[in-house]
């Protein structure tokens, strides 16, 4: 009988040990499951991010595919504008040539608008370093400081992205007059 009681105690101890081992194993498996779920969620998020980035890259490629080509056409437009600026509308010898240049320039500008290429002509506007490149500063009391006085070359935006900055002359406040030699004495 004593042996039977000992055997029952051993069985209870073994069962208790087995129960503790089973509980530990369950906890270990639950931790592994949580880690696997976390990895799966991260993998799904990575795939979604990669897909979104790829879609954005494709969209940008479509939107800005004409960037280099458009940039190469800008000097042609500049030349046509200069031809018009330096020719006289009253001169009969160049009147027909001027009309042809005007029509060609208009066709160029219409084509550029169709492809979302817009000109930046900031004359009289405040200086914007994101869209303008200051080539010189000039004192002028008639306009506010940091206003665009003159535009050397128009800038252009392609779908809202700067293709070429406008080259401008910016106003600055007149400096205080220097005292003359007679005033110093």
C-alpha atoms as a PDB file:
ATOM      1  CA  UNK A   1       0.000   0.000   0.000  1.00  0.00           C
ATOM      2  CA  UNK A   2       2.822   2.324   0.722  1.00  0.00           C
ATOM      3  CA  UNK A   3       4.185   1.534  -2.708  1.00  0.00           C
ATOM      4  CA  UNK A   4       0.873   2.399  -4.279  1.00  0.00           C
ATOM      5  CA  UNK A   5       0.786   5.763  -2.468  1.00  0.00           C
ATOM      6  CA  UNK A   6       4.320   6.479  -3.600  1.00  0.00           C
ATOM      7  CA  UNK A   7       3.450   5.621  -7.152  1.00  0.00           C
ATOM      8  CA  UNK A   8       0.382   7.876  -7.030  1.00  0.00           C
ATOM      9  CA  UNK A   9       2.536  10.723  -5.644  1.00  0.00           C
ATOM     10  CA  UNK A  10       5.098  10.135  -8.385  1.00  0.00           C
ATOM     11  CA  UNK A  11       2.343  10.161 -10.975  1.00  0.00           C
ATOM     12  CA  UNK A  12       0.890  13.386  -9.554  1.00  0.00           C
ATOM     13  CA  UNK A  13       4.352  14.980  -9.552  1.00  0.00           C
ATOM     14  CA  UNK A  14       4.971  13.754 -13.076  1.00  0.00           C
ATOM     15  CA  UNK A  15       1.552  15.027 -14.170  1.00  0.00           C
ATOM     16  CA  UNK A  16       2.230  18.374 -12.496  1.00  0.00           C
ATOM     17  CA  UNK A  17       5.640  18.540 -14.211  1.00  0.00           C
ATOM     18  CA  UNK A  18       4.051  17.551 -17.483  1.00  0.00           C
ATOM     19  CA  UNK A  19       1.383  20.227 -16.951  1.00  0.00           C
ATOM     20  CA  UNK A  20       4.036  22.848 -16.326  1.00  0.00           C
ATOM     21  CA  UNK A  21       5.925  21.697 -19.379  1.00  0.00           C
ATOM     22  CA  UNK A  22       2.725  21.784 -21.459  1.00  0.00           C
ATOM     23  CA  UNK A  23       1.907  25.294 -20.200  1.00  0.00           C
ATOM     24  CA  UNK A  24       5.416  26.465 -21.003  1.00  0.00           C
ATOM     25  CA  UNK A  25       5.161  24.895 -24.448  1.00  0.00           C
ATOM     26  CA  UNK A  26       1.785  26.600 -25.038  1.00  0.00           C
ATOM     27  CA  UNK A  27       3.265  29.973 -24.018  1.00  0.00           C
ATOM     28  CA  UNK A  28       6.233  29.391 -26.311  1.00  0.00           C
ATOM     29  CA  UNK A  29       3.953  28.487 -29.221  1.00  0.00           C
ATOM     30  CA  UNK A  30       1.723  31.532 -28.571  1.00  0.00           C
ATOM     31  CA  UNK A  31       4.827  33.779 -28.675  1.00  0.00           C
ATOM     32  CA  UNK A  32       5.926  32.154 -31.923  1.00  0.00           C
ATOM     33  CA  UNK A  33       2.426  32.647 -33.353  1.00  0.00           C
ATOM     34  CA  UNK A  34       2.422  36.327 -32.362  1.00  0.00           C
ATOM     35  CA  UNK A  35       5.865  36.780 -33.948  1.00  0.00           C
ATOM     36  CA  UNK A  36       4.696  35.049 -37.138  1.00  0.00           C
ATOM     37  CA  UNK A  37       1.576  37.253 -37.284  1.00  0.00           C
ATOM     38  CA  UNK A  38       3.747  40.343 -36.817  1.00  0.00           C
ATOM     39  CA  UNK A  39       6.093  39.207 -39.605  1.00  0.00           C
ATOM     40  CA  UNK A  40       3.143  38.527 -41.894  1.00  0.00           C
ATOM     41  CA  UNK A  41       1.664  41.987 -41.225  1.00  0.00           C
ATOM     42  CA  UNK A  42       5.032  43.614 -41.896  1.00  0.00           C
ATOM     43  CA  UNK A  43       5.424  41.640 -45.122  1.00  0.00           C
ATOM     44  CA  UNK A  44       1.964  42.731 -46.296  1.00  0.00           C
ATOM     45  CA  UNK A  45       2.774  46.362 -45.420  1.00  0.00           C
ATOM     46  CA  UNK A  46       6.099  46.132 -47.287  1.00  0.00           C
ATOM     47  CA  UNK A  47       4.333  44.777 -50.368  1.00  0.00           C
ATOM     48  CA  UNK A  48       1.726  47.553 -50.215  1.00  0.00           C
ATOM     49  CA  UNK A  49       4.454  50.194 -49.834  1.00  0.00           C
ATOM     50  CA  UNK A  50       6.419  48.748 -52.743  1.00  0.00           C
ATOM     51  CA  UNK A  51       3.283  48.716 -54.909  1.00  0.00           C
ATOM     52  CA  UNK A  52       2.459  52.317 -53.947  1.00  0.00           C
ATOM     53  CA  UNK A  53       6.038  53.453 -54.690  1.00  0.00           C
ATOM     54  CA  UNK A  54       5.961  51.680 -58.048  1.00  0.00           C
ATOM     55  CA  UNK A  55       2.648  53.353 -58.933  1.00  0.00           C
ATOM     56  CA  UNK A  56       4.077  56.754 -57.946  1.00  0.00           C
ATOM     57  CA  UNK A  57       7.212  56.112 -60.009  1.00  0.00           C
ATOM     58  CA  UNK A  58       5.119  55.196 -63.047  1.00  0.00           C
ATOM     59  CA  UNK A  59       2.934  58.278 -62.540  1.00  0.00           C
ATOM     60  CA  UNK A  60       6.019  60.518 -62.296  1.00  0.00           C
ATOM     61  CA  UNK A  61       7.529  58.864 -65.354  1.00  0.00           C
ATOM     62  CA  UNK A  62       4.368  59.637 -67.339  1.00  0.00           C
ATOM     63  CA  UNK A  63       4.129  63.146 -65.926  1.00  0.00           C
ATOM     64  CA  UNK A  64       7.750  64.142 -66.469  1.00  0.00           C
ATOM     65  CA  UNK A  65       8.715  62.049 -69.497  1.00  0.00           C
ATOM     66  CA  UNK A  66       8.843  65.198 -71.600  1.00  0.00           C
ATOM     67  CA  UNK A  67      11.129  67.057 -69.192  1.00  0.00           C
ATOM     68  CA  UNK A  68      14.356  66.733 -71.203  1.00  0.00           C
ATOM     69  CA  UNK A  69      12.621  67.279 -74.540  1.00  0.00           C
ATOM     70  CA  UNK A  70      10.789  70.342 -73.216  1.00  0.00           C
ATOM     71  CA  UNK A  71      13.998  71.742 -71.792  1.00  0.00           C
ATOM     72  CA  UNK A  72      15.637  71.402 -75.197  1.00  0.00           C
ATOM     73  CA  UNK A  73      12.795  73.367 -76.836  1.00  0.00           C
ATOM     74  CA  UNK A  74      12.992  76.348 -74.484  1.00  0.00           C
ATOM     75  CA  UNK A  75      15.908  78.047 -76.305  1.00  0.00           C
ATOM     76  CA  UNK A  76      13.857  77.938 -79.521  1.00  0.00           C
ATOM     77  CA  UNK A  77      11.002  79.750 -77.799  1.00  0.00           C
ATOM     78  CA  UNK A  78      13.477  82.256 -76.319  1.00  0.00           C
ATOM     79  CA  UNK A  79      14.869  82.925 -79.805  1.00  0.00           C
ATOM     80  CA  UNK A  80      11.417  83.507 -81.267  1.00  0.00           C
ATOM     81  CA  UNK A  81      10.551  85.907 -78.438  1.00  0.00           C
ATOM     82  CA  UNK A  82      13.828  87.783 -78.949  1.00  0.00           C
ATOM     83  CA  UNK A  83      13.160  88.024 -82.684  1.00  0.00           C
ATOM     84  CA  UNK A  84       9.807  89.643 -81.937  1.00  0.00           C
ATOM     85  CA  UNK A  85      11.269  91.961 -79.309  1.00  0.00           C
ATOM     86  CA  UNK A  86      14.006  93.179 -81.668  1.00  0.00           C
ATOM     87  CA  UNK A  87      11.908  93.628 -84.773  1.00  0.00           C
ATOM     88  CA  UNK A  88       9.761  96.647 -85.473  1.00  0.00           C
ATOM     89  CA  UNK A  89       6.059  96.113 -86.069  1.00  0.00           C
ATOM     90  CA  UNK A  90       6.008  99.260 -88.229  1.00  0.00           C
ATOM     91  CA  UNK A  91       8.756  98.189 -90.654  1.00  0.00           C
ATOM     92  CA  UNK A  92       7.101  96.960 -93.866  1.00  0.00           C
ATOM     93  CA  UNK A  93      10.191  94.951 -94.864  1.00  0.00           C
ATOM     94  CA  UNK A  94       9.864  92.626 -91.867  1.00  0.00           C
ATOM     95  CA  UNK A  95       6.110  92.767 -91.337  1.00  0.00           C
ATOM     96  CA  UNK A  96       5.383  89.402 -92.990  1.00  0.00           C
ATOM     97  CA  UNK A  97       8.353  87.741 -91.319  1.00  0.00           C
ATOM     98  CA  UNK A  98       7.214  89.122 -87.959  1.00  0.00           C
ATOM     99  CA  UNK A  99       3.696  87.762 -88.507  1.00  0.00           C
ATOM    100  CA  UNK A 100       5.166  84.334 -89.297  1.00  0.00           C
ATOM    101  CA  UNK A 101       7.312  84.408 -86.172  1.00  0.00           C
ATOM    102  CA  UNK A 102       4.290  85.461 -84.085  1.00  0.00           C
ATOM    103  CA  UNK A 103       2.212  82.575 -85.457  1.00  0.00           C
ATOM    104  CA  UNK A 104       5.048  80.096 -84.904  1.00  0.00           C
ATOM    105  CA  UNK A 105       5.499  81.313 -81.330  1.00  0.00           C
ATOM    106  CA  UNK A 106       1.744  81.069 -80.703  1.00  0.00           C
ATOM    107  CA  UNK A 107       1.709  77.466 -81.981  1.00  0.00           C
ATOM    108  CA  UNK A 108       4.660  76.632 -79.711  1.00  0.00           C
ATOM    109  CA  UNK A 109       2.962  78.193 -76.687  1.00  0.00           C
ATOM    110  CA  UNK A 110      -0.325  76.382 -77.380  1.00  0.00           C
ATOM    111  CA  UNK A 111       1.518  73.079 -77.690  1.00  0.00           C
ATOM    112  CA  UNK A 112       3.359  73.686 -74.435  1.00  0.00           C
ATOM    113  CA  UNK A 113       0.069  74.409 -72.639  1.00  0.00           C
ATOM    114  CA  UNK A 114      -1.364  71.107 -73.887  1.00  0.00           C
ATOM    115  CA  UNK A 115       1.514  69.296 -72.188  1.00  0.00           C
ATOM    116  CA  UNK A 116       1.239  71.312 -68.932  1.00  0.00           C
ATOM    117  CA  UNK A 117       4.346  73.396 -69.541  1.00  0.00           C
ATOM    118  CA  UNK A 118       3.707  76.895 -68.260  1.00  0.00           C
ATOM    119  CA  UNK A 119       5.843  80.005 -68.478  1.00  0.00           C
ATOM    120  CA  UNK A 120       6.975  81.983 -65.438  1.00  0.00           C
ATOM    121  CA  UNK A 121       7.082  85.690 -66.277  1.00  0.00           C
ATOM    122  CA  UNK A 122       7.341  87.312 -62.828  1.00  0.00           C
ATOM    123  CA  UNK A 123       7.735  90.969 -63.845  1.00  0.00           C
ATOM    124  CA  UNK A 124       6.522  93.135 -60.921  1.00  0.00           C
ATOM    125  CA  UNK A 125       5.962  90.167 -58.599  1.00  0.00           C
ATOM    126  CA  UNK A 126       7.825  89.485 -55.351  1.00  0.00           C
ATOM    127  CA  UNK A 127      11.072  87.539 -55.761  1.00  0.00           C
ATOM    128  CA  UNK A 128      10.579  83.794 -55.184  1.00  0.00           C
ATOM    129  CA  UNK A 129      13.872  81.891 -54.847  1.00  0.00           C
ATOM    130  CA  UNK A 130      12.098  78.624 -55.647  1.00  0.00           C
ATOM    131  CA  UNK A 131      11.137  79.844 -59.142  1.00  0.00           C
ATOM    132  CA  UNK A 132      13.456  82.783 -59.834  1.00  0.00           C
ATOM    133  CA  UNK A 133      17.200  83.158 -60.179  1.00  0.00           C
ATOM    134  CA  UNK A 134      18.452  86.637 -59.276  1.00  0.00           C
ATOM    135  CA  UNK A 135      21.008  87.777 -61.822  1.00  0.00           C
ATOM    136  CA  UNK A 136      21.426  91.283 -60.389  1.00  0.00           C
ATOM    137  CA  UNK A 137      20.055  93.651 -57.774  1.00  0.00           C
ATOM    138  CA  UNK A 138      19.148  97.231 -58.548  1.00  0.00           C
ATOM    139  CA  UNK A 139      18.216 100.093 -56.244  1.00  0.00           C
ATOM    140  CA  UNK A 140      14.742 101.402 -56.879  1.00  0.00           C
ATOM    141  CA  UNK A 141      12.660 103.624 -54.598  1.00  0.00           C
ATOM    142  CA  UNK A 142       9.480 103.245 -56.693  1.00  0.00           C
ATOM    143  CA  UNK A 143       8.863  99.552 -55.952  1.00  0.00           C
ATOM    144  CA  UNK A 144       9.072  97.414 -52.856  1.00  0.00           C
ATOM    145  CA  UNK A 145      12.410  95.776 -52.102  1.00  0.00           C
ATOM    146  CA  UNK A 146      12.722  92.178 -53.375  1.00  0.00           C
ATOM    147  CA  UNK A 147      10.387  92.782 -56.306  1.00  0.00           C
ATOM    148  CA  UNK A 148      11.235  91.634 -59.806  1.00  0.00           C
ATOM    149  CA  UNK A 149      12.184  94.663 -61.918  1.00  0.00           C
ATOM    150  CA  UNK A 150      13.231  92.988 -65.142  1.00  0.00           C
ATOM    151  CA  UNK A 151      13.072  89.476 -66.595  1.00  0.00           C
ATOM    152  CA  UNK A 152      16.102  88.435 -68.653  1.00  0.00           C
ATOM    153  CA  UNK A 153      14.688  85.006 -69.425  1.00  0.00           C
ATOM    154  CA  UNK A 154      11.333  83.433 -68.603  1.00  0.00           C
ATOM    155  CA  UNK A 155      11.230  80.377 -66.412  1.00  0.00           C
ATOM    156  CA  UNK A 156       9.085  77.304 -67.015  1.00  0.00           C
ATOM    157  CA  UNK A 157       7.197  74.756 -64.912  1.00  0.00           C
ATOM    158  CA  UNK A 158       6.350  71.257 -66.154  1.00  0.00           C
ATOM    159  CA  UNK A 159       3.352  69.854 -64.260  1.00  0.00           C
ATOM    160  CA  UNK A 160       4.195  72.136 -61.343  1.00  0.00           C
ATOM    161  CA  UNK A 161       7.874  71.090 -61.231  1.00  0.00           C
ATOM    162  CA  UNK A 162      10.484  73.735 -61.999  1.00  0.00           C
ATOM    163  CA  UNK A 163      12.039  73.063 -65.387  1.00  0.00           C
ATOM    164  CA  UNK A 164      14.019  76.297 -65.642  1.00  0.00           C
ATOM    165  CA  UNK A 165      14.072  79.256 -63.211  1.00  0.00           C
ATOM    166  CA  UNK A 166      13.292  82.745 -64.468  1.00  0.00           C
ATOM    167  CA  UNK A 167      16.413  84.908 -64.630  1.00  0.00           C
ATOM    168  CA  UNK A 168      15.517  88.245 -63.076  1.00  0.00           C
ATOM    169  CA  UNK A 169      16.751  91.585 -61.765  1.00  0.00           C
ATOM    170  CA  UNK A 170      15.567  92.176 -58.200  1.00  0.00           C
ATOM    171  CA  UNK A 171      14.936  95.540 -56.570  1.00  0.00           C
ATOM    172  CA  UNK A 172      16.568  96.620 -53.358  1.00  0.00           C
ATOM    173  CA  UNK A 173      15.965  99.600 -51.124  1.00  0.00           C
ATOM    174  CA  UNK A 174      18.050 102.656 -51.966  1.00  0.00           C
ATOM    175  CA  UNK A 175      21.064 102.990 -49.732  1.00  0.00           C
ATOM    176  CA  UNK A 176      21.525 106.084 -47.602  1.00  0.00           C
ATOM    177  CA  UNK A 177      23.480 108.763 -49.472  1.00  0.00           C
ATOM    178  CA  UNK A 178      27.129 108.949 -48.527  1.00  0.00           C
ATOM    179  CA  UNK A 179      28.124 112.288 -47.010  1.00  0.00           C
ATOM    180  CA  UNK A 180      30.238 114.366 -49.316  1.00  0.00           C
ATOM    181  CA  UNK A 181      33.670 115.642 -48.416  1.00  0.00           C
ATOM    182  CA  UNK A 182      32.282 119.146 -47.687  1.00  0.00           C
ATOM    183  CA  UNK A 183      29.774 117.746 -45.175  1.00  0.00           C
ATOM    184  CA  UNK A 184      32.491 115.907 -43.275  1.00  0.00           C
ATOM    185  CA  UNK A 185      34.507 119.088 -42.696  1.00  0.00           C
END
